[in-house]
Each structure stands twice: as C-alpha cells, then as structure tokens.
PDB file of N, CA and C in Angstrom:
ATOM      1  N   MET A   1      -2.127 -21.424 -32.196  1.00  0.00           N
ATOM      2  CA  MET A   1      -2.384 -20.515 -31.096  1.00  0.00           C
ATOM      3  C   MET A   1      -1.414 -20.747 -29.956  1.00  0.00           C
ATOM      4  N   SER A   2      -1.186 -21.986 -29.584  1.00  0.00           N
ATOM      5  CA  SER A   2      -0.298 -22.260 -28.464  1.00  0.00           C
ATOM      6  C   SER A   2       1.139 -21.857 -28.780  1.00  0.00           C
ATOM      7  N   SER A   3       1.485 -21.754 -30.078  1.00  0.00           N
ATOM      8  CA  SER A   3       2.845 -21.333 -30.412  1.00  0.00           C
ATOM      9  C   SER A   3       3.082 -19.885 -29.994  1.00  0.00           C
ATOM     10  N   ASP A   4       2.069 -19.013 -30.091  1.00  0.00           N
ATOM     11  CA  ASP A   4       2.194 -17.640 -29.591  1.00  0.00           C
ATOM     12  C   ASP A   4       2.391 -17.667 -28.081  1.00  0.00           C
ATOM     13  N   PHE A   5       1.610 -18.482 -27.400  1.00  0.00           N
ATOM     14  CA  PHE A   5       1.729 -18.597 -25.950  1.00  0.00           C
ATOM     15  C   PHE A   5       3.138 -19.048 -25.583  1.00  0.00           C
ATOM     16  N   GLU A   6       3.632 -20.042 -26.268  1.00  0.00           N
ATOM     17  CA  GLU A   6       4.965 -20.564 -25.973  1.00  0.00           C
ATOM     18  C   GLU A   6       6.049 -19.531 -26.265  1.00  0.00           C
ATOM     19  N   SER A   7       5.867 -18.732 -27.278  1.00  0.00           N
ATOM     20  CA  SER A   7       6.806 -17.650 -27.569  1.00  0.00           C
ATOM     21  C   SER A   7       6.806 -16.627 -26.430  1.00  0.00           C
ATOM     22  N   TYR A   8       5.613 -16.274 -25.948  1.00  0.00           N
ATOM     23  CA  TYR A   8       5.509 -15.365 -24.812  1.00  0.00           C
ATOM     24  C   TYR A   8       6.165 -15.979 -23.575  1.00  0.00           C
ATOM     25  N   GLU A   9       5.972 -17.288 -23.392  1.00  0.00           N
ATOM     26  CA  GLU A   9       6.594 -17.977 -22.253  1.00  0.00           C
ATOM     27  C   GLU A   9       8.111 -17.840 -22.295  1.00  0.00           C
ATOM     28  N   GLN A  10       8.679 -18.048 -23.451  1.00  0.00           N
ATOM     29  CA  GLN A  10      10.135 -17.938 -23.598  1.00  0.00           C
ATOM     30  C   GLN A  10      10.596 -16.519 -23.291  1.00  0.00           C
ATOM     31  N   ASP A  11       9.891 -15.538 -23.825  1.00  0.00           N
ATOM     32  CA  ASP A  11      10.240 -14.140 -23.563  1.00  0.00           C
ATOM     33  C   ASP A  11      10.141 -13.830 -22.068  1.00  0.00           C
ATOM     34  N   PHE A  12       9.091 -14.345 -21.431  1.00  0.00           N
ATOM     35  CA  PHE A  12       8.884 -14.122 -20.002  1.00  0.00           C
ATOM     36  C   PHE A  12      10.019 -14.750 -19.198  1.00  0.00           C
ATOM     37  N   ALA A  13      10.421 -15.948 -19.561  1.00  0.00           N
ATOM     38  CA  ALA A  13      11.503 -16.637 -18.845  1.00  0.00           C
ATOM     39  C   ALA A  13      12.812 -15.858 -18.947  1.00  0.00           C
ATOM     40  N   VAL A  14      13.142 -15.387 -20.137  1.00  0.00           N
ATOM     41  CA  VAL A  14      14.376 -14.619 -20.330  1.00  0.00           C
ATOM     42  C   VAL A  14      14.316 -13.316 -19.529  1.00  0.00           C
ATOM     43  N   LEU A  15      13.195 -12.642 -19.619  1.00  0.00           N
ATOM     44  CA  LEU A  15      13.025 -11.360 -18.943  1.00  0.00           C
ATOM     45  C   LEU A  15      13.096 -11.513 -17.428  1.00  0.00           C
ATOM     46  N   THR A  16      12.400 -12.501 -16.876  1.00  0.00           N
ATOM     47  CA  THR A  16      12.400 -12.665 -15.426  1.00  0.00           C
ATOM     48  C   THR A  16      13.770 -13.112 -14.914  1.00  0.00           C
ATOM     49  N   ALA A  17      14.483 -13.899 -15.684  1.00  0.00           N
ATOM     50  CA  ALA A  17      15.838 -14.290 -15.278  1.00  0.00           C
ATOM     51  C   ALA A  17      16.748 -13.061 -15.231  1.00  0.00           C
ATOM     52  N   ASP A  18      16.619 -12.199 -16.214  1.00  0.00           N
ATOM     53  CA  ASP A  18      17.421 -10.982 -16.245  1.00  0.00           C
ATOM     54  C   ASP A  18      17.078 -10.072 -15.062  1.00  0.00           C
ATOM     55  N   VAL A  19      15.784  -9.924 -14.787  1.00  0.00           N
ATOM     56  CA  VAL A  19      15.352  -9.087 -13.664  1.00  0.00           C
ATOM     57  C   VAL A  19      15.901  -9.642 -12.350  1.00  0.00           C
ATOM     58  N   THR A  20      15.841 -10.943 -12.178  1.00  0.00           N
ATOM     59  CA  THR A  20      16.352 -11.567 -10.960  1.00  0.00           C
ATOM     60  C   THR A  20      17.831 -11.234 -10.761  1.00  0.00           C
ATOM     61  N   GLY A  21      18.606 -11.348 -11.814  1.00  0.00           N
ATOM     62  CA  GLY A  21      20.028 -11.021 -11.744  1.00  0.00           C
ATOM     63  C   GLY A  21      20.269  -9.560 -11.428  1.00  0.00           C
ATOM     64  N   ARG A  22      19.476  -8.691 -12.035  1.00  0.00           N
ATOM     65  CA  ARG A  22      19.637  -7.245 -11.804  1.00  0.00           C
ATOM     66  C   ARG A  22      19.272  -6.872 -10.369  1.00  0.00           C
ATOM     67  N   ILE A  23      18.206  -7.474  -9.859  1.00  0.00           N
ATOM     68  CA  ILE A  23      17.797  -7.188  -8.479  1.00  0.00           C
ATOM     69  C   ILE A  23      18.930  -7.561  -7.522  1.00  0.00           C
ATOM     70  N   ALA A  24      19.579  -8.666  -7.791  1.00  0.00           N
ATOM     71  CA  ALA A  24      20.680  -9.113  -6.922  1.00  0.00           C
ATOM     72  C   ALA A  24      21.872  -8.159  -6.976  1.00  0.00           C
ATOM     73  N   ARG A  25      22.057  -7.479  -8.100  1.00  0.00           N
ATOM     74  CA  ARG A  25      23.201  -6.576  -8.246  1.00  0.00           C
ATOM     75  C   ARG A  25      22.974  -5.194  -7.634  1.00  0.00           C
ATOM     76  N   VAL A  26      21.734  -4.785  -7.490  1.00  0.00           N
ATOM     77  CA  VAL A  26      21.431  -3.417  -7.052  1.00  0.00           C
ATOM     78  C   VAL A  26      22.083  -3.049  -5.721  1.00  0.00           C
ATOM     79  N   PRO A  27      22.053  -3.909  -4.696  1.00  0.00           N
ATOM     80  CA  PRO A  27      22.655  -3.490  -3.414  1.00  0.00           C
ATOM     81  C   PRO A  27      24.140  -3.129  -3.514  1.00  0.00           C
ATOM     82  N   LYS A  28      24.809  -3.597  -4.531  1.00  0.00           N
ATOM     83  CA  LYS A  28      26.245  -3.313  -4.691  1.00  0.00           C
ATOM     84  C   LYS A  28      26.507  -2.006  -5.428  1.00  0.00           C
ATOM     85  N   LEU A  29      25.456  -1.385  -5.942  1.00  0.00           N
ATOM     86  CA  LEU A  29      25.610  -0.162  -6.738  1.00  0.00           C
ATOM     87  C   LEU A  29      25.398   1.078  -5.881  1.00  0.00           C
ATOM     88  N   LEU A  30      25.911   2.194  -6.386  1.00  0.00           N
ATOM     89  CA  LEU A  30      25.772   3.469  -5.682  1.00  0.00           C
ATOM     90  C   LEU A  30      25.296   4.561  -6.633  1.00  0.00           C
ATOM     91  N   GLY A  31      24.679   5.577  -6.070  1.00  0.00           N
ATOM     92  CA  GLY A  31      24.341   6.793  -6.801  1.00  0.00           C
ATOM     93  C   GLY A  31      23.550   6.602  -8.074  1.00  0.00           C
ATOM     94  N   ASP A  32      24.016   7.287  -9.124  1.00  0.00           N
ATOM     95  CA  ASP A  32      23.302   7.266 -10.406  1.00  0.00           C
ATOM     96  C   ASP A  32      23.238   5.877 -11.017  1.00  0.00           C
ATOM     97  N   GLU A  33      24.287   5.113 -10.819  1.00  0.00           N
ATOM     98  CA  GLU A  33      24.299   3.753 -11.364  1.00  0.00           C
ATOM     99  C   GLU A  33      23.158   2.929 -10.752  1.00  0.00           C
ATOM    100  N   LYS A  34      22.941   3.107  -9.460  1.00  0.00           N
ATOM    101  CA  LYS A  34      21.859   2.412  -8.774  1.00  0.00           C
ATOM    102  C   LYS A  34      20.503   2.894  -9.289  1.00  0.00           C
ATOM    103  N   LYS A  35      20.355   4.206  -9.432  1.00  0.00           N
ATOM    104  CA  LYS A  35      19.094   4.774  -9.924  1.00  0.00           C
ATOM    105  C   LYS A  35      18.773   4.263 -11.323  1.00  0.00           C
ATOM    106  N   GLN A  36      19.784   4.198 -12.177  1.00  0.00           N
ATOM    107  CA  GLN A  36      19.587   3.697 -13.538  1.00  0.00           C
ATOM    108  C   GLN A  36      19.174   2.230 -13.536  1.00  0.00           C
ATOM    109  N   MET A  37      19.801   1.444 -12.668  1.00  0.00           N
ATOM    110  CA  MET A  37      19.455   0.026 -12.590  1.00  0.00           C
ATOM    111  C   MET A  37      18.026  -0.145 -12.094  1.00  0.00           C
ATOM    112  N   VAL A  38      17.633   0.616 -11.087  1.00  0.00           N
ATOM    113  CA  VAL A  38      16.272   0.542 -10.560  1.00  0.00           C
ATOM    114  C   VAL A  38      15.266   0.910 -11.651  1.00  0.00           C
ATOM    115  N   ALA A  39      15.536   1.964 -12.390  1.00  0.00           N
ATOM    116  CA  ALA A  39      14.640   2.377 -13.482  1.00  0.00           C
ATOM    117  C   ALA A  39      14.547   1.285 -14.542  1.00  0.00           C
ATOM    118  N   SER A  40      15.669   0.666 -14.852  1.00  0.00           N
ATOM    119  CA  SER A  40      15.699  -0.411 -15.837  1.00  0.00           C
ATOM    120  C   SER A  40      14.876  -1.607 -15.357  1.00  0.00           C
ATOM    121  N   ILE A  41      15.009  -1.947 -14.094  1.00  0.00           N
ATOM    122  CA  ILE A  41      14.243  -3.069 -13.535  1.00  0.00           C
ATOM    123  C   ILE A  41      12.751  -2.756 -13.575  1.00  0.00           C
ATOM    124  N   GLU A  42      12.393  -1.528 -13.216  1.00  0.00           N
ATOM    125  CA  GLU A  42      10.973  -1.140 -13.248  1.00  0.00           C
ATOM    126  C   GLU A  42      10.407  -1.291 -14.656  1.00  0.00           C
ATOM    127  N   LYS A  43      11.181  -0.894 -15.656  1.00  0.00           N
ATOM    128  CA  LYS A  43      10.740  -1.019 -17.044  1.00  0.00           C
ATOM    129  C   LYS A  43      10.575  -2.501 -17.424  1.00  0.00           C
ATOM    130  N   GLN A  44      11.525  -3.325 -17.005  1.00  0.00           N
ATOM    131  CA  GLN A  44      11.434  -4.752 -17.322  1.00  0.00           C
ATOM    132  C   GLN A  44      10.251  -5.412 -16.611  1.00  0.00           C
ATOM    133  N   LEU A  45       9.971  -4.997 -15.385  1.00  0.00           N
ATOM    134  CA  LEU A  45       8.816  -5.546 -14.684  1.00  0.00           C
ATOM    135  C   LEU A  45       7.526  -5.179 -15.415  1.00  0.00           C
ATOM    136  N   GLU A  46       7.466  -3.972 -15.940  1.00  0.00           N
ATOM    137  CA  GLU A  46       6.289  -3.567 -16.730  1.00  0.00           C
ATOM    138  C   GLU A  46       6.180  -4.429 -17.993  1.00  0.00           C
ATOM    139  N   GLU A  47       7.299  -4.675 -18.652  1.00  0.00           N
ATOM    140  CA  GLU A  47       7.293  -5.542 -19.835  1.00  0.00           C
ATOM    141  C   GLU A  47       6.802  -6.947 -19.475  1.00  0.00           C
ATOM    142  N   ALA A  48       7.237  -7.447 -18.328  1.00  0.00           N
ATOM    143  CA  ALA A  48       6.818  -8.780 -17.892  1.00  0.00           C
ATOM    144  C   ALA A  48       5.314  -8.805 -17.627  1.00  0.00           C
ATOM    145  N   ARG A  49       4.795  -7.742 -17.012  1.00  0.00           N
ATOM    146  CA  ARG A  49       3.344  -7.665 -16.779  1.00  0.00           C
ATOM    147  C   ARG A  49       2.586  -7.658 -18.110  1.00  0.00           C
ATOM    148  N   GLU A  50       3.111  -6.941 -19.087  1.00  0.00           N
ATOM    149  CA  GLU A  50       2.471  -6.893 -20.405  1.00  0.00           C
ATOM    150  C   GLU A  50       2.504  -8.271 -21.077  1.00  0.00           C
ATOM    151  N   LEU A  51       3.610  -8.980 -20.930  1.00  0.00           N
ATOM    152  CA  LEU A  51       3.686 -10.338 -21.477  1.00  0.00           C
ATOM    153  C   LEU A  51       2.637 -11.240 -20.825  1.00  0.00           C
ATOM    154  N   LEU A  52       2.473 -11.120 -19.504  1.00  0.00           N
ATOM    155  CA  LEU A  52       1.452 -11.914 -18.825  1.00  0.00           C
ATOM    156  C   LEU A  52       0.057 -11.600 -19.368  1.00  0.00           C
ATOM    157  N   GLU A  53      -0.206 -10.339 -19.634  1.00  0.00           N
ATOM    158  CA  GLU A  53      -1.506  -9.962 -20.202  1.00  0.00           C
ATOM    159  C   GLU A  53      -1.704 -10.605 -21.571  1.00  0.00           C
ATOM    160  N   GLN A  54      -0.666 -10.583 -22.404  1.00  0.00           N
ATOM    161  CA  GLN A  54      -0.755 -11.214 -23.721  1.00  0.00           C
ATOM    162  C   GLN A  54      -0.984 -12.719 -23.595  1.00  0.00           C
ATOM    163  N   MET A  55      -0.292 -13.329 -22.646  1.00  0.00           N
ATOM    164  CA  MET A  55      -0.457 -14.763 -22.428  1.00  0.00           C
ATOM    165  C   MET A  55      -1.887 -15.079 -21.992  1.00  0.00           C
ATOM    166  N   GLU A  56      -2.449 -14.236 -21.115  1.00  0.00           N
ATOM    167  CA  GLU A  56      -3.830 -14.446 -20.675  1.00  0.00           C
ATOM    168  C   GLU A  56      -4.804 -14.349 -21.843  1.00  0.00           C
ATOM    169  N   LEU A  57      -4.562 -13.391 -22.731  1.00  0.00           N
ATOM    170  CA  LEU A  57      -5.417 -13.271 -23.914  1.00  0.00           C
ATOM    171  C   LEU A  57      -5.336 -14.531 -24.776  1.00  0.00           C
ATOM    172  N   GLU A  58      -4.133 -15.063 -24.926  1.00  0.00           N
ATOM    173  CA  GLU A  58      -3.952 -16.299 -25.695  1.00  0.00           C
ATOM    174  C   GLU A  58      -4.703 -17.462 -25.052  1.00  0.00           C
ATOM    175  N   VAL A  59      -4.636 -17.556 -23.731  1.00  0.00           N
ATOM    176  CA  VAL A  59      -5.311 -18.653 -23.024  1.00  0.00           C
ATOM    177  C   VAL A  59      -6.821 -18.582 -23.251  1.00  0.00           C
ATOM    178  N   ARG A  60      -7.367 -17.383 -23.273  1.00  0.00           N
ATOM    179  CA  ARG A  60      -8.811 -17.219 -23.491  1.00  0.00           C
ATOM    180  C   ARG A  60      -9.245 -17.724 -24.858  1.00  0.00           C
ATOM    181  N   GLU A  61      -8.327 -17.706 -25.819  1.00  0.00           N
ATOM    182  CA  GLU A  61      -8.644 -18.132 -27.180  1.00  0.00           C
ATOM    183  C   GLU A  61      -8.474 -19.643 -27.388  1.00  0.00           C
ATOM    184  N   ILE A  62      -7.882 -20.310 -26.422  1.00  0.00           N
ATOM    185  CA  ILE A  62      -7.648 -21.758 -26.541  1.00  0.00           C
ATOM    186  C   ILE A  62      -8.960 -22.488 -26.250  1.00  0.00           C
ATOM    187  N   PRO A  63      -9.278 -23.520 -27.012  1.00  0.00           N
ATOM    188  CA  PRO A  63     -10.514 -24.279 -26.756  1.00  0.00           C
ATOM    189  C   PRO A  63     -10.571 -24.767 -25.302  1.00  0.00           C
ATOM    190  N   PRO A  64     -11.762 -24.730 -24.706  1.00  0.00           N
ATOM    191  CA  PRO A  64     -11.909 -25.079 -23.283  1.00  0.00           C
ATOM    192  C   PRO A  64     -11.287 -26.428 -22.901  1.00  0.00           C
ATOM    193  N   GLN A  65     -11.367 -27.416 -23.760  1.00  0.00           N
ATOM    194  CA  GLN A  65     -10.838 -28.735 -23.415  1.00  0.00           C
ATOM    195  C   GLN A  65      -9.310 -28.727 -23.281  1.00  0.00           C
ATOM    196  N   SER A  66      -8.637 -27.740 -23.869  1.00  0.00           N
ATOM    197  CA  SER A  66      -7.172 -27.654 -23.803  1.00  0.00           C
ATOM    198  C   SER A  66      -6.696 -26.551 -22.858  1.00  0.00           C
ATOM    199  N   ARG A  67      -7.601 -25.793 -22.329  1.00  0.00           N
ATOM    200  CA  ARG A  67      -7.258 -24.587 -21.582  1.00  0.00           C
ATOM    201  C   ARG A  67      -6.647 -24.866 -20.206  1.00  0.00           C
ATOM    202  N   GLY A  68      -6.993 -25.985 -19.588  1.00  0.00           N
ATOM    203  CA  GLY A  68      -6.558 -26.274 -18.222  1.00  0.00           C
ATOM    204  C   GLY A  68      -5.057 -26.215 -18.028  1.00  0.00           C
ATOM    205  N   MET A  69      -4.322 -26.844 -18.916  1.00  0.00           N
ATOM    206  CA  MET A  69      -2.859 -26.875 -18.799  1.00  0.00           C
ATOM    207  C   MET A  69      -2.289 -25.458 -18.861  1.00  0.00           C
ATOM    208  N   TYR A  70      -2.805 -24.663 -19.778  1.00  0.00           N
ATOM    209  CA  TYR A  70      -2.307 -23.295 -19.936  1.00  0.00           C
ATOM    210  C   TYR A  70      -2.700 -22.428 -18.743  1.00  0.00           C
ATOM    211  N   SER A  71      -3.886 -22.632 -18.214  1.00  0.00           N
ATOM    212  CA  SER A  71      -4.329 -21.872 -17.039  1.00  0.00           C
ATOM    213  C   SER A  71      -3.435 -22.170 -15.848  1.00  0.00           C
ATOM    214  N   SER A  72      -3.053 -23.418 -15.704  1.00  0.00           N
ATOM    215  CA  SER A  72      -2.155 -23.808 -14.621  1.00  0.00           C
ATOM    216  C   SER A  72      -0.793 -23.132 -14.777  1.00  0.00           C
ATOM    217  N   ARG A  73      -0.288 -23.103 -15.982  1.00  0.00           N
ATOM    218  CA  ARG A  73       0.989 -22.438 -16.238  1.00  0.00           C
ATOM    219  C   ARG A  73       0.880 -20.941 -15.949  1.00  0.00           C
ATOM    220  N   MET A  74      -0.239 -20.348 -16.286  1.00  0.00           N
ATOM    221  CA  MET A  74      -0.441 -18.920 -16.019  1.00  0.00           C
ATOM    222  C   MET A  74      -0.404 -18.633 -14.523  1.00  0.00           C
ATOM    223  N   ARG A  75      -1.034 -19.498 -13.726  1.00  0.00           N
ATOM    224  CA  ARG A  75      -1.002 -19.302 -12.272  1.00  0.00           C
ATOM    225  C   ARG A  75       0.443 -19.300 -11.777  1.00  0.00           C
ATOM    226  N   SER A  76       1.225 -20.209 -12.309  1.00  0.00           N
ATOM    227  CA  SER A  76       2.635 -20.296 -11.925  1.00  0.00           C
ATOM    228  C   SER A  76       3.390 -19.022 -12.306  1.00  0.00           C
ATOM    229  N   TYR A  77       3.148 -18.520 -13.505  1.00  0.00           N
ATOM    230  CA  TYR A  77       3.830 -17.296 -13.955  1.00  0.00           C
ATOM    231  C   TYR A  77       3.406 -16.086 -13.127  1.00  0.00           C
ATOM    232  N   LYS A  78       2.140 -16.040 -12.753  1.00  0.00           N
ATOM    233  CA  LYS A  78       1.672 -14.927 -11.920  1.00  0.00           C
ATOM    234  C   LYS A  78       2.317 -14.981 -10.543  1.00  0.00           C
ATOM    235  N   GLN A  79       2.475 -16.177 -10.002  1.00  0.00           N
ATOM    236  CA  GLN A  79       3.159 -16.318  -8.713  1.00  0.00           C
ATOM    237  C   GLN A  79       4.606 -15.856  -8.832  1.00  0.00           C
ATOM    238  N   GLU A  80       5.258 -16.257  -9.918  1.00  0.00           N
ATOM    239  CA  GLU A  80       6.640 -15.844 -10.147  1.00  0.00           C
ATOM    240  C   GLU A  80       6.734 -14.328 -10.248  1.00  0.00           C
ATOM    241  N   MET A  81       5.790 -13.728 -10.955  1.00  0.00           N
ATOM    242  CA  MET A  81       5.778 -12.272 -11.108  1.00  0.00           C
ATOM    243  C   MET A  81       5.585 -11.606  -9.743  1.00  0.00           C
ATOM    244  N   GLY A  82       4.690 -12.142  -8.939  1.00  0.00           N
ATOM    245  CA  GLY A  82       4.456 -11.594  -7.610  1.00  0.00           C
ATOM    246  C   GLY A  82       5.708 -11.668  -6.742  1.00  0.00           C
ATOM    247  N   LYS A  83       6.432 -12.770  -6.852  1.00  0.00           N
ATOM    248  CA  LYS A  83       7.669 -12.922  -6.090  1.00  0.00           C
ATOM    249  C   LYS A  83       8.721 -11.913  -6.555  1.00  0.00           C
ATOM    250  N   LEU A  84       8.842 -11.742  -7.867  1.00  0.00           N
ATOM    251  CA  LEU A  84       9.797 -10.763  -8.395  1.00  0.00           C
ATOM    252  C   LEU A  84       9.476  -9.355  -7.897  1.00  0.00           C
ATOM    253  N   GLU A  85       8.205  -8.999  -7.959  1.00  0.00           N
ATOM    254  CA  GLU A  85       7.803  -7.667  -7.508  1.00  0.00           C
ATOM    255  C   GLU A  85       8.045  -7.504  -6.011  1.00  0.00           C
ATOM    256  N   ALA A  86       7.786  -8.554  -5.234  1.00  0.00           N
ATOM    257  CA  ALA A  86       8.040  -8.494  -3.789  1.00  0.00           C
ATOM    258  C   ALA A  86       9.537  -8.355  -3.513  1.00  0.00           C
ATOM    259  N   ASP A  87      10.346  -9.118  -4.241  1.00  0.00           N
ATOM    260  CA  ASP A  87      11.796  -9.011  -4.078  1.00  0.00           C
ATOM    261  C   ASP A  87      12.280  -7.600  -4.418  1.00  0.00           C
ATOM    262  N   PHE A  88      11.762  -7.063  -5.495  1.00  0.00           N
ATOM    263  CA  PHE A  88      12.144  -5.722  -5.921  1.00  0.00           C
ATOM    264  C   PHE A  88      11.739  -4.693  -4.864  1.00  0.00           C
ATOM    265  N   ASN A  89      10.513  -4.816  -4.345  1.00  0.00           N
ATOM    266  CA  ASN A  89      10.054  -3.874  -3.326  1.00  0.00           C
ATOM    267  C   ASN A  89      10.844  -4.023  -2.039  1.00  0.00           C
ATOM    268  N   LEU A  90      11.177  -5.255  -1.669  1.00  0.00           N
ATOM    269  CA  LEU A  90      11.965  -5.488  -0.466  1.00  0.00           C
ATOM    270  C   LEU A  90      13.354  -4.883  -0.604  1.00  0.00           C
ATOM    271  N   PHE A  91      13.987  -5.120  -1.734  1.00  0.00           N
ATOM    272  CA  PHE A  91      15.319  -4.546  -1.946  1.00  0.00           C
ATOM    273  C   PHE A  91      15.218  -3.028  -1.883  1.00  0.00           C
ATOM    274  N   GLY A  92      14.129  -2.468  -2.395  1.00  0.00           N
ATOM    275  CA  GLY A  92      13.948  -1.014  -2.387  1.00  0.00           C
ATOM    276  C   GLY A  92      13.892  -0.459  -0.979  1.00  0.00           C
ATOM    277  N   LEU A  93      13.234  -1.193  -0.082  1.00  0.00           N
ATOM    278  CA  LEU A  93      13.147  -0.751   1.307  1.00  0.00           C
ATOM    279  C   LEU A  93      14.493  -0.899   2.012  1.00  0.00           C
ATOM    280  N   LEU A  94      15.213  -1.957   1.686  1.00  0.00           N
ATOM    281  CA  LEU A  94      16.490  -2.211   2.347  1.00  0.00           C
ATOM    282  C   LEU A  94      17.616  -1.328   1.810  1.00  0.00           C
ATOM    283  N   CYS A  95      17.510  -0.929   0.574  1.00  0.00           N
ATOM    284  CA  CYS A  95      18.627  -0.230  -0.075  1.00  0.00           C
ATOM    285  C   CYS A  95      18.408   1.267  -0.211  1.00  0.00           C
ATOM    286  N   SER A  96      17.312   1.789   0.290  1.00  0.00           N
ATOM    287  CA  SER A  96      17.063   3.224   0.115  1.00  0.00           C
ATOM    288  C   SER A  96      17.974   4.048   0.988  1.00  0.00           C
TER     289      SER A  96
END
C-alpha cells in the first residue's frame, strides 16, 4: 500500500517542481504565449490536487499504527500545494 503512496509522492514532487519553474517564467512572457503557460499551469495544479486526493485515499487505507507518518507528510504536501496556489494567484494579480 505504501508503495502506491510513494509513487504518488514522486509524481507530486515532479509536478510541483515543474509548476514552480513555470510560475517563475510567466512574468517574462507576453500575449498568447503567456495565456498558454497560464492554462498549462492551471491544468498542472488540478493534476496536483488530484494526486493529493489519491494520496489521502491511500493514507486512509494504511493501518492506524502506521498512519501517523503518512498523515504528517500529507500535511506538508497540502501546505506546499497551498503555497503554489498562492504564488500562482499572486503572479496572476501582478502580471495581469
């Protein structure tokens, strides 16, 4: 069971790293290129949210005695997701 969780973790790490890089590039873009990048980031953020949901489902299936470590990791991932979304929204306000 934890191997599925760990696979989701790896996917989440790759996805969030890519989103972070894309968010940093958006202010340098113009016109359609910027719109396409924003749409791409929005899609990736949705994918990241879906991965978090899958991870939460996996945590629920883990025996209670082992669940604490995974729950702690989930809190960390949710914080990271919140920061990414805040960064994306902030860039949106600054770059509109």
